[in-house]
Amino acid sequence: MSANFFQSIQDGDISKSCFYYTLSLISGKYKMAILYTLATFEIVRFNELKRLIPNISYKTLSATLKELEQDQLIIRTEYPQVPPKVEYQLSERGHSLIPILKQMCDWGQAHRLPE
């Protein structure tokens, strides 16, 4: 591993590390699930996301989508019509995280403990 990976811990402040920054973008109960869903289905409307991630509340979904949009990981497109139509998709920056999420998925599949 590169020296950069461990540098901030050695300096006594992990919060300045690239690792910590990346975690701050994807941490949270549903962020990775939303990113994975958008990677799978490409363009998804709000209620479709709610249906595909059944345990998430409307309020949490809305707040999480706003955070992901602020972090420029997703693109929100609103169409001026009645009823309102809003679609979400991964941004280029969001797409760049998908190989990392795939590696996490592969690791989980390879190292899952028997139930």
PDB file of N, CA and C in Angstrom:
ATOM      1  N   MET A   1       0.827  -1.177   0.000  1.00  0.00           N
ATOM      2  CA  MET A   1       0.000   0.000   0.000  1.00  0.00           C
ATOM      3  C   MET A   1       0.874   1.243   0.000  1.00  0.00           C
ATOM      4  N   SER A   2       0.314   2.305  -0.520  1.00  0.00           N
ATOM      5  CA  SER A   2       1.086   3.532  -0.618  1.00  0.00           C
ATOM      6  C   SER A   2       1.284   4.164   0.750  1.00  0.00           C
ATOM      7  N   ALA A   3       2.329   4.975   0.834  1.00  0.00           N
ATOM      8  CA  ALA A   3       2.619   5.679   2.087  1.00  0.00           C
ATOM      9  C   ALA A   3       1.489   6.648   2.429  1.00  0.00           C
ATOM     10  N   ASN A   4       0.824   7.215   1.410  1.00  0.00           N
ATOM     11  CA  ASN A   4      -0.280   8.148   1.630  1.00  0.00           C
ATOM     12  C   ASN A   4      -1.415   7.514   2.421  1.00  0.00           C
ATOM     13  N   PHE A   5      -1.644   6.225   2.192  1.00  0.00           N
ATOM     14  CA  PHE A   5      -2.749   5.524   2.859  1.00  0.00           C
ATOM     15  C   PHE A   5      -2.617   5.618   4.372  1.00  0.00           C
ATOM     16  N   PHE A   6      -1.410   5.490   4.882  1.00  0.00           N
ATOM     17  CA  PHE A   6      -1.187   5.470   6.320  1.00  0.00           C
ATOM     18  C   PHE A   6      -0.719   6.809   6.887  1.00  0.00           C
ATOM     19  N   GLN A   7      -0.373   7.764   6.050  1.00  0.00           N
ATOM     20  CA  GLN A   7       0.256   8.998   6.492  1.00  0.00           C
ATOM     21  C   GLN A   7      -0.545   9.747   7.547  1.00  0.00           C
ATOM     22  N   SER A   8      -1.842   9.965   7.321  1.00  0.00           N
ATOM     23  CA  SER A   8      -2.619  10.769   8.261  1.00  0.00           C
ATOM     24  C   SER A   8      -2.754  10.109   9.627  1.00  0.00           C
ATOM     25  N   ILE A   9      -2.815   8.796   9.646  1.00  0.00           N
ATOM     26  CA  ILE A   9      -2.884   8.109  10.939  1.00  0.00           C
ATOM     27  C   ILE A   9      -1.576   8.320  11.688  1.00  0.00           C
ATOM     28  N   GLN A  10      -0.478   8.242  10.972  1.00  0.00           N
ATOM     29  CA  GLN A  10       0.813   8.455  11.610  1.00  0.00           C
ATOM     30  C   GLN A  10       0.940   9.891  12.122  1.00  0.00           C
ATOM     31  N   ASP A  11       0.300  10.834  11.433  1.00  0.00           N
ATOM     32  CA  ASP A  11       0.307  12.233  11.880  1.00  0.00           C
ATOM     33  C   ASP A  11      -0.677  12.454  13.024  1.00  0.00           C
ATOM     34  N   GLY A  12      -1.452  11.435  13.360  1.00  0.00           N
ATOM     35  CA  GLY A  12      -2.385  11.523  14.468  1.00  0.00           C
ATOM     36  C   GLY A  12      -3.738  12.113  14.106  1.00  0.00           C
ATOM     37  N   ASP A  13      -4.059  12.214  12.820  1.00  0.00           N
ATOM     38  CA  ASP A  13      -5.345  12.780  12.425  1.00  0.00           C
ATOM     39  C   ASP A  13      -5.872  12.084  11.172  1.00  0.00           C
ATOM     40  N   ILE A  14      -6.653  11.032  11.379  1.00  0.00           N
ATOM     41  CA  ILE A  14      -7.193  10.259  10.258  1.00  0.00           C
ATOM     42  C   ILE A  14      -8.192  11.082   9.444  1.00  0.00           C
ATOM     43  N   SER A  15      -8.785  12.117  10.053  1.00  0.00           N
ATOM     44  CA  SER A  15      -9.808  12.892   9.352  1.00  0.00           C
ATOM     45  C   SER A  15      -9.254  13.676   8.166  1.00  0.00           C
ATOM     46  N   LYS A  16      -7.952  13.796   8.058  1.00  0.00           N
ATOM     47  CA  LYS A  16      -7.339  14.503   6.929  1.00  0.00           C
ATOM     48  C   LYS A  16      -6.948  13.547   5.796  1.00  0.00           C
ATOM     49  N   SER A  17      -7.199  12.278   5.985  1.00  0.00           N
ATOM     50  CA  SER A  17      -6.767  11.289   4.984  1.00  0.00           C
ATOM     51  C   SER A  17      -7.759  11.178   3.834  1.00  0.00           C
ATOM     52  N   CYS A  18      -7.270  10.718   2.697  1.00  0.00           N
ATOM     53  CA  CYS A  18      -8.121  10.448   1.532  1.00  0.00           C
ATOM     54  C   CYS A  18      -9.119   9.342   1.859  1.00  0.00           C
ATOM     55  N   PHE A  19      -8.691   8.382   2.648  1.00  0.00           N
ATOM     56  CA  PHE A  19      -9.560   7.284   3.067  1.00  0.00           C
ATOM     57  C   PHE A  19     -10.776   7.822   3.817  1.00  0.00           C
ATOM     58  N   TYR A  20     -10.542   8.711   4.752  1.00  0.00           N
ATOM     59  CA  TYR A  20     -11.622   9.294   5.554  1.00  0.00           C
ATOM     60  C   TYR A  20     -12.558  10.111   4.668  1.00  0.00           C
ATOM     61  N   TYR A  21     -11.997  10.855   3.709  1.00  0.00           N
ATOM     62  CA  TYR A  21     -12.821  11.648   2.793  1.00  0.00           C
ATOM     63  C   TYR A  21     -13.757  10.745   1.987  1.00  0.00           C
ATOM     64  N   THR A  22     -13.206   9.670   1.449  1.00  0.00           N
ATOM     65  CA  THR A  22     -14.021   8.746   0.662  1.00  0.00           C
ATOM     66  C   THR A  22     -15.132   8.150   1.524  1.00  0.00           C
ATOM     67  N   LEU A  23     -14.787   7.739   2.729  1.00  0.00           N
ATOM     68  CA  LEU A  23     -15.797   7.198   3.641  1.00  0.00           C
ATOM     69  C   LEU A  23     -16.889   8.220   3.937  1.00  0.00           C
ATOM     70  N   SER A  24     -16.520   9.478   4.060  1.00  0.00           N
ATOM     71  CA  SER A  24     -17.517  10.504   4.361  1.00  0.00           C
ATOM     72  C   SER A  24     -18.541  10.637   3.237  1.00  0.00           C
ATOM     73  N   LEU A  25     -18.147  10.328   2.004  1.00  0.00           N
ATOM     74  CA  LEU A  25     -19.057  10.407   0.865  1.00  0.00           C
ATOM     75  C   LEU A  25     -20.021   9.231   0.797  1.00  0.00           C
ATOM     76  N   ILE A  26     -19.579   8.057   1.225  1.00  0.00           N
ATOM     77  CA  ILE A  26     -20.408   6.858   1.061  1.00  0.00           C
ATOM     78  C   ILE A  26     -20.921   6.288   2.373  1.00  0.00           C
ATOM     79  N   SER A  27     -20.546   6.912   3.507  1.00  0.00           N
ATOM     80  CA  SER A  27     -21.018   6.377   4.778  1.00  0.00           C
ATOM     81  C   SER A  27     -22.475   6.767   4.995  1.00  0.00           C
ATOM     82  N   GLY A  28     -23.108   6.035   5.821  1.00  0.00           N
ATOM     83  CA  GLY A  28     -24.531   6.216   6.059  1.00  0.00           C
ATOM     84  C   GLY A  28     -25.226   4.918   5.703  1.00  0.00           C
ATOM     85  N   LYS A  29     -26.359   4.734   6.278  1.00  0.00           N
ATOM     86  CA  LYS A  29     -27.047   3.445   6.153  1.00  0.00           C
ATOM     87  C   LYS A  29     -27.464   3.119   4.715  1.00  0.00           C
ATOM     88  N   TYR A  30     -27.793   4.143   3.911  1.00  0.00           N
ATOM     89  CA  TYR A  30     -28.389   3.862   2.602  1.00  0.00           C
ATOM     90  C   TYR A  30     -27.632   4.411   1.395  1.00  0.00           C
ATOM     91  N   LYS A  31     -26.572   5.170   1.598  1.00  0.00           N
ATOM     92  CA  LYS A  31     -25.893   5.793   0.455  1.00  0.00           C
ATOM     93  C   LYS A  31     -25.388   4.762  -0.551  1.00  0.00           C
ATOM     94  N   MET A  32     -24.719   3.729  -0.062  1.00  0.00           N
ATOM     95  CA  MET A  32     -24.190   2.729  -0.989  1.00  0.00           C
ATOM     96  C   MET A  32     -25.312   1.964  -1.670  1.00  0.00           C
ATOM     97  N   ALA A  33     -26.408   1.729  -0.970  1.00  0.00           N
ATOM     98  CA  ALA A  33     -27.559   1.046  -1.570  1.00  0.00           C
ATOM     99  C   ALA A  33     -28.154   1.891  -2.692  1.00  0.00           C
ATOM    100  N   ILE A  34     -28.241   3.194  -2.484  1.00  0.00           N
ATOM    101  CA  ILE A  34     -28.764   4.086  -3.519  1.00  0.00           C
ATOM    102  C   ILE A  34     -27.819   4.117  -4.713  1.00  0.00           C
ATOM    103  N   LEU A  35     -26.529   4.247  -4.462  1.00  0.00           N
ATOM    104  CA  LEU A  35     -25.554   4.265  -5.559  1.00  0.00           C
ATOM    105  C   LEU A  35     -25.596   2.956  -6.344  1.00  0.00           C
ATOM    106  N   TYR A  36     -25.666   1.845  -5.625  1.00  0.00           N
ATOM    107  CA  TYR A  36     -25.738   0.528  -6.275  1.00  0.00           C
ATOM    108  C   TYR A  36     -27.002   0.413  -7.125  1.00  0.00           C
ATOM    109  N   THR A  37     -28.119   0.901  -6.603  1.00  0.00           N
ATOM    110  CA  THR A  37     -29.393   0.857  -7.327  1.00  0.00           C
ATOM    111  C   THR A  37     -29.321   1.698  -8.592  1.00  0.00           C
ATOM    112  N   LEU A  38     -28.760   2.897  -8.486  1.00  0.00           N
ATOM    113  CA  LEU A  38     -28.636   3.757  -9.671  1.00  0.00           C
ATOM    114  C   LEU A  38     -27.661   3.171 -10.687  1.00  0.00           C
ATOM    115  N   ALA A  39     -26.628   2.497 -10.215  1.00  0.00           N
ATOM    116  CA  ALA A  39     -25.697   1.841 -11.139  1.00  0.00           C
ATOM    117  C   ALA A  39     -26.388   0.699 -11.880  1.00  0.00           C
ATOM    118  N   THR A  40     -27.293   0.033 -11.212  1.00  0.00           N
ATOM    119  CA  THR A  40     -27.990  -1.105 -11.807  1.00  0.00           C
ATOM    120  C   THR A  40     -29.080  -0.676 -12.777  1.00  0.00           C
ATOM    121  N   PHE A  41     -29.876   0.309 -12.384  1.00  0.00           N
ATOM    122  CA  PHE A  41     -31.046   0.691 -13.180  1.00  0.00           C
ATOM    123  C   PHE A  41     -30.864   1.992 -13.965  1.00  0.00           C
ATOM    124  N   GLU A  42     -29.725   2.665 -13.798  1.00  0.00           N
ATOM    125  CA  GLU A  42     -29.318   3.878 -14.510  1.00  0.00           C
ATOM    126  C   GLU A  42     -30.140   5.112 -14.163  1.00  0.00           C
ATOM    127  N   ILE A  43     -31.386   5.193 -14.576  1.00  0.00           N
ATOM    128  CA  ILE A  43     -32.233   6.342 -14.264  1.00  0.00           C
ATOM    129  C   ILE A  43     -33.428   5.834 -13.469  1.00  0.00           C
ATOM    130  N   VAL A  44     -33.622   6.427 -12.280  1.00  0.00           N
ATOM    131  CA  VAL A  44     -34.670   5.931 -11.386  1.00  0.00           C
ATOM    132  C   VAL A  44     -35.420   7.126 -10.791  1.00  0.00           C
ATOM    133  N   ARG A  45     -36.724   6.995 -10.715  1.00  0.00           N
ATOM    134  CA  ARG A  45     -37.555   8.020 -10.077  1.00  0.00           C
ATOM    135  C   ARG A  45     -37.619   7.767  -8.574  1.00  0.00           C
ATOM    136  N   PHE A  46     -38.018   8.795  -7.833  1.00  0.00           N
ATOM    137  CA  PHE A  46     -38.022   8.746  -6.369  1.00  0.00           C
ATOM    138  C   PHE A  46     -38.810   7.555  -5.843  1.00  0.00           C
ATOM    139  N   ASN A  47     -40.039   7.381  -6.285  1.00  0.00           N
ATOM    140  CA  ASN A  47     -40.870   6.285  -5.767  1.00  0.00           C
ATOM    141  C   ASN A  47     -40.327   4.916  -6.160  1.00  0.00           C
ATOM    142  N   GLU A  48     -39.654   4.840  -7.296  1.00  0.00           N
ATOM    143  CA  GLU A  48     -39.010   3.573  -7.676  1.00  0.00           C
ATOM    144  C   GLU A  48     -37.884   3.253  -6.700  1.00  0.00           C
ATOM    145  N   LEU A  49     -37.091   4.277  -6.340  1.00  0.00           N
ATOM    146  CA  LEU A  49     -36.027   4.066  -5.349  1.00  0.00           C
ATOM    147  C   LEU A  49     -36.617   3.586  -4.030  1.00  0.00           C
ATOM    148  N   LYS A  50     -37.711   4.204  -3.612  1.00  0.00           N
ATOM    149  CA  LYS A  50     -38.373   3.816  -2.359  1.00  0.00           C
ATOM    150  C   LYS A  50     -38.826   2.360  -2.426  1.00  0.00           C
ATOM    151  N   ARG A  51     -39.331   1.942  -3.573  1.00  0.00           N
ATOM    152  CA  ARG A  51     -39.788   0.563  -3.745  1.00  0.00           C
ATOM    153  C   ARG A  51     -38.609  -0.409  -3.763  1.00  0.00           C
ATOM    154  N   LEU A  52     -37.508  -0.011  -4.384  1.00  0.00           N
ATOM    155  CA  LEU A  52     -36.340  -0.881  -4.513  1.00  0.00           C
ATOM    156  C   LEU A  52     -35.528  -0.979  -3.219  1.00  0.00           C
ATOM    157  N   ILE A  53     -35.673   0.019  -2.349  1.00  0.00           N
ATOM    158  CA  ILE A  53     -35.000   0.010  -1.040  1.00  0.00           C
ATOM    159  C   ILE A  53     -36.111   0.093   0.010  1.00  0.00           C
ATOM    160  N   PRO A  54     -36.777  -1.013   0.287  1.00  0.00           N
ATOM    161  CA  PRO A  54     -38.033  -0.999   1.040  1.00  0.00           C
ATOM    162  C   PRO A  54     -37.942  -0.506   2.483  1.00  0.00           C
ATOM    163  N   ASN A  55     -36.821  -0.639   3.147  1.00  0.00           N
ATOM    164  CA  ASN A  55     -36.747  -0.270   4.562  1.00  0.00           C
ATOM    165  C   ASN A  55     -36.475   1.214   4.792  1.00  0.00           C
ATOM    166  N   ILE A  56     -36.241   1.976   3.747  1.00  0.00           N
ATOM    167  CA  ILE A  56     -35.907   3.390   3.889  1.00  0.00           C
ATOM    168  C   ILE A  56     -37.188   4.228   3.958  1.00  0.00           C
ATOM    169  N   SER A  57     -37.201   5.206   4.849  1.00  0.00           N
ATOM    170  CA  SER A  57     -38.368   6.085   4.939  1.00  0.00           C
ATOM    171  C   SER A  57     -38.281   7.158   3.853  1.00  0.00           C
ATOM    172  N   TYR A  58     -39.393   7.782   3.559  1.00  0.00           N
ATOM    173  CA  TYR A  58     -39.408   8.852   2.554  1.00  0.00           C
ATOM    174  C   TYR A  58     -38.483   9.994   2.967  1.00  0.00           C
ATOM    175  N   LYS A  59     -38.525  10.348   4.247  1.00  0.00           N
ATOM    176  CA  LYS A  59     -37.705  11.441   4.757  1.00  0.00           C
ATOM    177  C   LYS A  59     -36.213  11.125   4.627  1.00  0.00           C
ATOM    178  N   THR A  60     -35.824   9.914   4.999  1.00  0.00           N
ATOM    179  CA  THR A  60     -34.425   9.505   4.914  1.00  0.00           C
ATOM    180  C   THR A  60     -33.973   9.432   3.469  1.00  0.00           C
ATOM    181  N   LEU A  61     -34.818   8.893   2.598  1.00  0.00           N
ATOM    182  CA  LEU A  61     -34.474   8.818   1.178  1.00  0.00           C
ATOM    183  C   LEU A  61     -34.256  10.214   0.620  1.00  0.00           C
ATOM    184  N   SER A  62     -35.150  11.115   0.920  1.00  0.00           N
ATOM    185  CA  SER A  62     -35.044  12.489   0.437  1.00  0.00           C
ATOM    186  C   SER A  62     -33.761  13.158   0.933  1.00  0.00           C
ATOM    187  N   ALA A  63     -33.477  13.021   2.218  1.00  0.00           N
ATOM    188  CA  ALA A  63     -32.271  13.634   2.796  1.00  0.00           C
ATOM    189  C   ALA A  63     -31.004  13.029   2.211  1.00  0.00           C
ATOM    190  N   THR A  64     -30.991  11.711   2.034  1.00  0.00           N
ATOM    191  CA  THR A  64     -29.812  11.031   1.501  1.00  0.00           C
ATOM    192  C   THR A  64     -29.574  11.420   0.054  1.00  0.00           C
ATOM    193  N   LEU A  65     -30.636  11.519  -0.731  1.00  0.00           N
ATOM    194  CA  LEU A  65     -30.497  11.951  -2.123  1.00  0.00           C
ATOM    195  C   LEU A  65     -29.942  13.367  -2.197  1.00  0.00           C
ATOM    196  N   LYS A  66     -30.374  14.237  -1.303  1.00  0.00           N
ATOM    197  CA  LYS A  66     -29.854  15.614  -1.279  1.00  0.00           C
ATOM    198  C   LYS A  66     -28.359  15.623  -0.965  1.00  0.00           C
ATOM    199  N   GLU A  67     -27.935  14.790  -0.017  1.00  0.00           N
ATOM    200  CA  GLU A  67     -26.511  14.701   0.320  1.00  0.00           C
ATOM    201  C   GLU A  67     -25.695  14.194  -0.870  1.00  0.00           C
ATOM    202  N   LEU A  68     -26.199  13.149  -1.525  1.00  0.00           N
ATOM    203  CA  LEU A  68     -25.489  12.593  -2.675  1.00  0.00           C
ATOM    204  C   LEU A  68     -25.412  13.611  -3.813  1.00  0.00           C
ATOM    205  N   GLU A  69     -26.459  14.397  -3.976  1.00  0.00           N
ATOM    206  CA  GLU A  69     -26.454  15.438  -5.003  1.00  0.00           C
ATOM    207  C   GLU A  69     -25.464  16.543  -4.634  1.00  0.00           C
ATOM    208  N   GLN A  70     -25.438  16.945  -3.375  1.00  0.00           N
ATOM    209  CA  GLN A  70     -24.479  17.962  -2.913  1.00  0.00           C
ATOM    210  C   GLN A  70     -23.043  17.504  -3.121  1.00  0.00           C
ATOM    211  N   ASP A  71     -22.803  16.220  -2.915  1.00  0.00           N
ATOM    212  CA  ASP A  71     -21.461  15.656  -3.097  1.00  0.00           C
ATOM    213  C   ASP A  71     -21.159  15.358  -4.567  1.00  0.00           C
ATOM    214  N   GLN A  72     -22.093  15.712  -5.431  1.00  0.00           N
ATOM    215  CA  GLN A  72     -21.960  15.552  -6.882  1.00  0.00           C
ATOM    216  C   GLN A  72     -21.768  14.091  -7.301  1.00  0.00           C
ATOM    217  N   LEU A  73     -22.400  13.178  -6.564  1.00  0.00           N
ATOM    218  CA  LEU A  73     -22.346  11.761  -6.914  1.00  0.00           C
ATOM    219  C   LEU A  73     -23.551  11.348  -7.746  1.00  0.00           C
ATOM    220  N   ILE A  74     -24.633  12.117  -7.656  1.00  0.00           N
ATOM    221  CA  ILE A  74     -25.826  11.841  -8.464  1.00  0.00           C
ATOM    222  C   ILE A  74     -26.300  13.130  -9.125  1.00  0.00           C
ATOM    223  N   ILE A  75     -27.107  12.952 -10.157  1.00  0.00           N
ATOM    224  CA  ILE A  75     -27.720  14.071 -10.868  1.00  0.00           C
ATOM    225  C   ILE A  75     -29.228  13.958 -10.690  1.00  0.00           C
ATOM    226  N   ARG A  76     -29.824  15.047 -10.273  1.00  0.00           N
ATOM    227  CA  ARG A  76     -31.281  15.125 -10.099  1.00  0.00           C
ATOM    228  C   ARG A  76     -31.824  15.942 -11.256  1.00  0.00           C
ATOM    229  N   THR A  77     -32.758  15.356 -12.000  1.00  0.00           N
ATOM    230  CA  THR A  77     -33.383  16.050 -13.118  1.00  0.00           C
ATOM    231  C   THR A  77     -34.871  16.194 -12.827  1.00  0.00           C
ATOM    232  N   GLU A  78     -35.327  17.440 -12.796  1.00  0.00           N
ATOM    233  CA  GLU A  78     -36.731  17.731 -12.524  1.00  0.00           C
ATOM    234  C   GLU A  78     -37.386  18.212 -13.811  1.00  0.00           C
ATOM    235  N   TYR A  79     -38.519  17.602 -14.138  1.00  0.00           N
ATOM    236  CA  TYR A  79     -39.261  17.975 -15.338  1.00  0.00           C
ATOM    237  C   TYR A  79     -40.467  18.825 -14.943  1.00  0.00           C
ATOM    238  N   PRO A  80     -40.649  19.971 -15.617  1.00  0.00           N
ATOM    239  CA  PRO A  80     -41.754  20.864 -15.269  1.00  0.00           C
ATOM    240  C   PRO A  80     -43.080  20.365 -15.834  1.00  0.00           C
ATOM    241  N   GLN A  81     -43.725  19.525 -15.090  1.00  0.00           N
ATOM    242  CA  GLN A  81     -45.012  18.969 -15.512  1.00  0.00           C
ATOM    243  C   GLN A  81     -45.853  18.679 -14.281  1.00  0.00           C
ATOM    244  N   VAL A  82     -47.114  18.392 -14.507  1.00  0.00           N
ATOM    245  CA  VAL A  82     -48.024  18.041 -13.419  1.00  0.00           C
ATOM    246  C   VAL A  82     -48.526  16.629 -13.680  1.00  0.00           C
ATOM    247  N   PRO A  83     -48.347  15.698 -12.747  1.00  0.00           N
ATOM    248  CA  PRO A  83     -47.603  15.824 -11.494  1.00  0.00           C
ATOM    249  C   PRO A  83     -46.103  15.943 -11.756  1.00  0.00           C
ATOM    250  N   PRO A  84     -45.355  16.482 -10.794  1.00  0.00           N
ATOM    251  CA  PRO A  84     -43.911  16.658 -10.983  1.00  0.00           C
ATOM    252  C   PRO A  84     -43.217  15.320 -11.238  1.00  0.00           C
ATOM    253  N   LYS A  85     -42.231  15.369 -12.097  1.00  0.00           N
ATOM    254  CA  LYS A  85     -41.456  14.166 -12.404  1.00  0.00           C
ATOM    255  C   LYS A  85     -39.987  14.476 -12.108  1.00  0.00           C
ATOM    256  N   VAL A  86     -39.371  13.661 -11.250  1.00  0.00           N
ATOM    257  CA  VAL A  86     -37.971  13.843 -10.876  1.00  0.00           C
ATOM    258  C   VAL A  86     -37.258  12.510 -11.084  1.00  0.00           C
ATOM    259  N   GLU A  87     -36.129  12.564 -11.755  1.00  0.00           N
ATOM    260  CA  GLU A  87     -35.328  11.367 -12.002  1.00  0.00           C
ATOM    261  C   GLU A  87     -33.932  11.560 -11.415  1.00  0.00           C
ATOM    262  N   TYR A  88     -33.348  10.441 -11.002  1.00  0.00           N
ATOM    263  CA  TYR A  88     -32.005  10.444 -10.439  1.00  0.00           C
ATOM    264  C   TYR A  88     -31.137   9.485 -11.248  1.00  0.00           C
ATOM    265  N   GLN A  89     -29.883   9.889 -11.423  1.00  0.00           N
ATOM    266  CA  GLN A  89     -28.910   9.019 -12.083  1.00  0.00           C
ATOM    267  C   GLN A  89     -27.532   9.336 -11.529  1.00  0.00           C
ATOM    268  N   LEU A  90     -26.598   8.429 -11.733  1.00  0.00           N
ATOM    269  CA  LEU A  90     -25.233   8.657 -11.286  1.00  0.00           C
ATOM    270  C   LEU A  90     -24.582   9.739 -12.135  1.00  0.00           C
ATOM    271  N   SER A  91     -23.798  10.569 -11.499  1.00  0.00           N
ATOM    272  CA  SER A  91     -22.962  11.516 -12.230  1.00  0.00           C
ATOM    273  C   SER A  91     -21.696  10.779 -12.663  1.00  0.00           C
ATOM    274  N   GLU A  92     -20.859  11.447 -13.411  1.00  0.00           N
ATOM    275  CA  GLU A  92     -19.581  10.836 -13.793  1.00  0.00           C
ATOM    276  C   GLU A  92     -18.768  10.516 -12.540  1.00  0.00           C
ATOM    277  N   ARG A  93     -18.812  11.431 -11.585  1.00  0.00           N
ATOM    278  CA  ARG A  93     -18.110  11.214 -10.311  1.00  0.00           C
ATOM    279  C   ARG A  93     -18.699  10.006  -9.583  1.00  0.00           C
ATOM    280  N   GLY A  94     -20.012   9.860  -9.602  1.00  0.00           N
ATOM    281  CA  GLY A  94     -20.662   8.711  -8.979  1.00  0.00           C
ATOM    282  C   GLY A  94     -20.291   7.409  -9.665  1.00  0.00           C
ATOM    283  N   HIS A  95     -20.240   7.437 -10.990  1.00  0.00           N
ATOM    284  CA  HIS A  95     -19.837   6.236 -11.743  1.00  0.00           C
ATOM    285  C   HIS A  95     -18.431   5.792 -11.352  1.00  0.00           C
ATOM    286  N   SER A  96     -17.571   6.745 -11.014  1.00  0.00           N
ATOM    287  CA  SER A  96     -16.189   6.389 -10.662  1.00  0.00           C
ATOM    288  C   SER A  96     -16.106   5.606  -9.353  1.00  0.00           C
ATOM    289  N   LEU A  97     -17.149   5.659  -8.528  1.00  0.00           N
ATOM    290  CA  LEU A  97     -17.179   4.880  -7.277  1.00  0.00           C
ATOM    291  C   LEU A  97     -17.643   3.440  -7.477  1.00  0.00           C
ATOM    292  N   ILE A  98     -18.297   3.163  -8.574  1.00  0.00           N
ATOM    293  CA  ILE A  98     -18.902   1.841  -8.777  1.00  0.00           C
ATOM    294  C   ILE A  98     -17.874   0.707  -8.760  1.00  0.00           C
ATOM    295  N   PRO A  99     -16.693   0.843  -9.374  1.00  0.00           N
ATOM    296  CA  PRO A  99     -15.719  -0.252  -9.255  1.00  0.00           C
ATOM    297  C   PRO A  99     -15.340  -0.557  -7.803  1.00  0.00           C
ATOM    298  N   ILE A 100     -15.293   0.469  -6.962  1.00  0.00           N
ATOM    299  CA  ILE A 100     -14.985   0.258  -5.546  1.00  0.00           C
ATOM    300  C   ILE A 100     -16.119  -0.511  -4.877  1.00  0.00           C
ATOM    301  N   LEU A 101     -17.367  -0.117  -5.165  1.00  0.00           N
ATOM    302  CA  LEU A 101     -18.509  -0.831  -4.592  1.00  0.00           C
ATOM    303  C   LEU A 101     -18.566  -2.268  -5.091  1.00  0.00           C
ATOM    304  N   LYS A 102     -18.210  -2.465  -6.354  1.00  0.00           N
ATOM    305  CA  LYS A 102     -18.183  -3.829  -6.910  1.00  0.00           C
ATOM    306  C   LYS A 102     -17.132  -4.670  -6.192  1.00  0.00           C
ATOM    307  N   GLN A 103     -15.977  -4.104  -5.932  1.00  0.00           N
ATOM    308  CA  GLN A 103     -14.942  -4.839  -5.194  1.00  0.00           C
ATOM    309  C   GLN A 103     -15.425  -5.205  -3.790  1.00  0.00           C
ATOM    310  N   MET A 104     -16.159  -4.301  -3.162  1.00  0.00           N
ATOM    311  CA  MET A 104     -16.710  -4.603  -1.840  1.00  0.00           C
ATOM    312  C   MET A 104     -17.704  -5.755  -1.930  1.00  0.00           C
ATOM    313  N   CYS A 105     -18.513  -5.741  -2.967  1.00  0.00           N
ATOM    314  CA  CYS A 105     -19.492  -6.810  -3.180  1.00  0.00           C
ATOM    315  C   CYS A 105     -18.772  -8.144  -3.420  1.00  0.00           C
ATOM    316  N   ASP A 106     -17.743  -8.121  -4.261  1.00  0.00           N
ATOM    317  CA  ASP A 106     -16.965  -9.334  -4.540  1.00  0.00           C
ATOM    318  C   ASP A 106     -16.321  -9.877  -3.264  1.00  0.00           C
ATOM    319  N   TRP A 107     -15.788  -8.972  -2.430  1.00  0.00           N
ATOM    320  CA  TRP A 107     -15.182  -9.382  -1.192  1.00  0.00           C
ATOM    321  C   TRP A 107     -16.226 -10.028  -0.289  1.00  0.00           C
ATOM    322  N   GLY A 108     -17.399  -9.424  -0.203  1.00  0.00           N
ATOM    323  CA  GLY A 108     -18.485  -9.971   0.621  1.00  0.00           C
ATOM    324  C   GLY A 108     -18.906 -11.361   0.162  1.00  0.00           C
ATOM    325  N   GLN A 109     -18.949 -11.550  -1.145  1.00  0.00           N
ATOM    326  CA  GLN A 109     -19.321 -12.849  -1.674  1.00  0.00           C
ATOM    327  C   GLN A 109     -18.248 -13.891  -1.352  1.00  0.00           C
ATOM    328  N   ALA A 110     -16.995 -13.502  -1.461  1.00  0.00           N
ATOM    329  CA  ALA A 110     -15.904 -14.442  -1.227  1.00  0.00           C
ATOM    330  C   ALA A 110     -15.690 -14.756   0.260  1.00  0.00           C
ATOM    331  N   HIS A 111     -16.034 -13.827   1.147  1.00  0.00           N
ATOM    332  CA  HIS A 111     -15.711 -13.978   2.560  1.00  0.00           C
ATOM    333  C   HIS A 111     -16.906 -14.038   3.493  1.00  0.00           C
ATOM    334  N   ARG A 112     -18.080 -14.248   2.928  1.00  0.00           N
ATOM    335  CA  ARG A 112     -19.281 -14.335   3.760  1.00  0.00           C
ATOM    336  C   ARG A 112     -19.191 -15.538   4.685  1.00  0.00           C
ATOM    337  N   LEU A 113     -19.449 -15.308   5.952  1.00  0.00           N
ATOM    338  CA  LEU A 113     -19.431 -16.400   6.935  1.00  0.00           C
ATOM    339  C   LEU A 113     -20.720 -17.192   6.813  1.00  0.00           C
ATOM    340  N   PRO A 114     -20.657 -18.507   7.030  1.00  0.00           N
ATOM    341  CA  PRO A 114     -21.869 -19.313   6.959  1.00  0.00           C
ATOM    342  C   PRO A 114     -22.847 -18.895   8.070  1.00  0.00           C
ATOM    343  N   GLU A 115     -24.121 -18.938   7.727  1.00  0.00           N
ATOM    344  CA  GLU A 115     -25.148 -18.539   8.704  1.00  0.00           C
ATOM    345  C   GLU A 115     -25.594 -19.710   9.536  1.00  0.00           C
TER     346      GLU A 115
END
